[in-house]
């Protein structure tokens, strides 16, 4: 993967993590923690959602679709982590 692609994935994941942190409130991880979870969530969404037959939700392959895709993955990951932390 070229360096440029990796930087784009990191930026999209960071934006999605921040948005997910705003949406999924509660005892959070702070801004940096939510951004890291967003980056991991972006990778999770890129792996999991196509296996479930979910594309970029009709938005095409542009950056808006990528941020939305990563946002979904970040929200799922944040909810799972917070659920596990409660146990």
Protein backbone atom coordinates (compact mmCIF):
# COMPACT_ATOMS: atom_id res chain seq x y z
CA UNK A 1 0.00 0.00 0.00
CA UNK A 2 1.43 3.38 -0.91
CA UNK A 3 2.09 5.88 1.86
CA UNK A 4 -0.55 8.20 0.43
CA UNK A 5 -3.25 5.52 0.82
CA UNK A 6 -2.22 4.83 4.40
CA UNK A 7 -2.40 8.53 5.27
CA UNK A 8 -5.89 8.75 3.77
CA UNK A 9 -7.04 5.71 5.78
CA UNK A 10 -5.66 7.28 8.96
CA UNK A 11 -7.38 10.61 8.30
CA UNK A 12 -10.71 8.99 7.42
CA UNK A 13 -10.47 6.73 10.48
CA UNK A 14 -9.61 9.67 12.74
CA UNK A 15 -12.59 11.66 11.47
CA UNK A 16 -14.91 8.67 11.84
CA UNK A 17 -13.60 7.97 15.35
CA UNK A 18 -14.19 11.52 16.45
CA UNK A 19 -17.74 11.45 15.03
CA UNK A 20 -18.42 8.08 16.65
CA UNK A 21 -17.13 9.40 19.98
CA UNK A 22 -19.58 12.28 19.74
CA UNK A 23 -22.50 9.98 18.89
CA UNK A 24 -21.68 7.18 21.38
CA UNK A 25 -21.56 9.15 24.58
CA UNK A 26 -20.83 7.90 28.04
CA UNK A 27 -17.65 7.10 29.89
CA UNK A 28 -15.47 7.55 26.86
CA UNK A 29 -11.85 7.12 25.96
CA UNK A 30 -11.23 10.80 25.36
CA UNK A 31 -10.54 12.40 22.01
CA UNK A 32 -7.32 10.50 21.25
CA UNK A 33 -8.78 7.16 22.35
CA UNK A 34 -11.89 7.65 20.21
CA UNK A 35 -9.72 8.56 17.21
CA UNK A 36 -7.64 5.39 17.67
CA UNK A 37 -10.82 3.33 18.00
CA UNK A 38 -12.10 5.05 14.84
CA UNK A 39 -9.00 4.06 12.90
CA UNK A 40 -9.34 0.47 14.07
CA UNK A 41 -13.07 0.65 13.36
CA UNK A 42 -12.34 1.81 9.82
CA UNK A 43 -10.22 -1.28 9.25
CA UNK A 44 -12.94 -3.40 10.91
CA UNK A 45 -15.63 -1.94 8.66
CA UNK A 46 -13.48 -2.44 5.60
CA UNK A 47 -13.16 -6.11 6.46
CA UNK A 48 -16.54 -6.96 8.01
CA UNK A 49 -19.18 -4.97 6.15
CA UNK A 50 -18.35 -6.27 2.64
CA UNK A 51 -18.59 -9.82 4.02
CA UNK A 52 -22.11 -8.96 5.22
CA UNK A 53 -23.02 -7.64 1.77
CA UNK A 54 -23.06 -3.98 2.76
CA UNK A 55 -21.43 -1.62 0.29
CA UNK A 56 -20.71 2.06 0.84
CA UNK A 57 -24.47 2.56 1.18
CA UNK A 58 -25.01 3.81 -2.36
CA UNK A 59 -22.65 6.74 -1.95
CA UNK A 60 -20.08 5.38 -4.33
CA UNK A 61 -16.40 5.04 -3.62
CA UNK A 62 -15.81 8.67 -2.70
CA UNK A 63 -14.54 10.07 0.55
CA UNK A 64 -18.05 10.63 1.96
CA UNK A 65 -18.84 6.94 1.52
CA UNK A 66 -15.51 6.04 3.08
CA UNK A 67 -16.09 8.23 6.13
CA UNK A 68 -19.61 6.84 6.56
CA UNK A 69 -18.31 3.27 6.21
CA UNK A 70 -15.56 3.93 8.77
CA UNK A 71 -18.04 5.71 11.05
CA UNK A 72 -20.27 2.61 11.12
CA UNK A 73 -17.28 0.44 12.00
CA UNK A 74 -16.13 2.86 14.69
CA UNK A 75 -19.59 3.03 16.29
CA UNK A 76 -19.82 -0.77 16.32
CA UNK A 77 -16.37 -1.06 17.86
CA UNK A 78 -17.03 1.65 20.47
CA UNK A 79 -20.28 -0.01 21.50
CA UNK A 80 -18.59 -3.41 21.77
CA UNK A 81 -15.70 -2.03 23.82
CA UNK A 82 -18.01 -0.15 26.16
CA UNK A 83 -20.20 -3.24 26.56
CA UNK A 84 -17.18 -5.36 27.44
CA UNK A 85 -15.89 -2.72 29.90
CA UNK A 86 -19.20 -2.88 31.80
CA UNK A 87 -18.89 -6.62 32.36
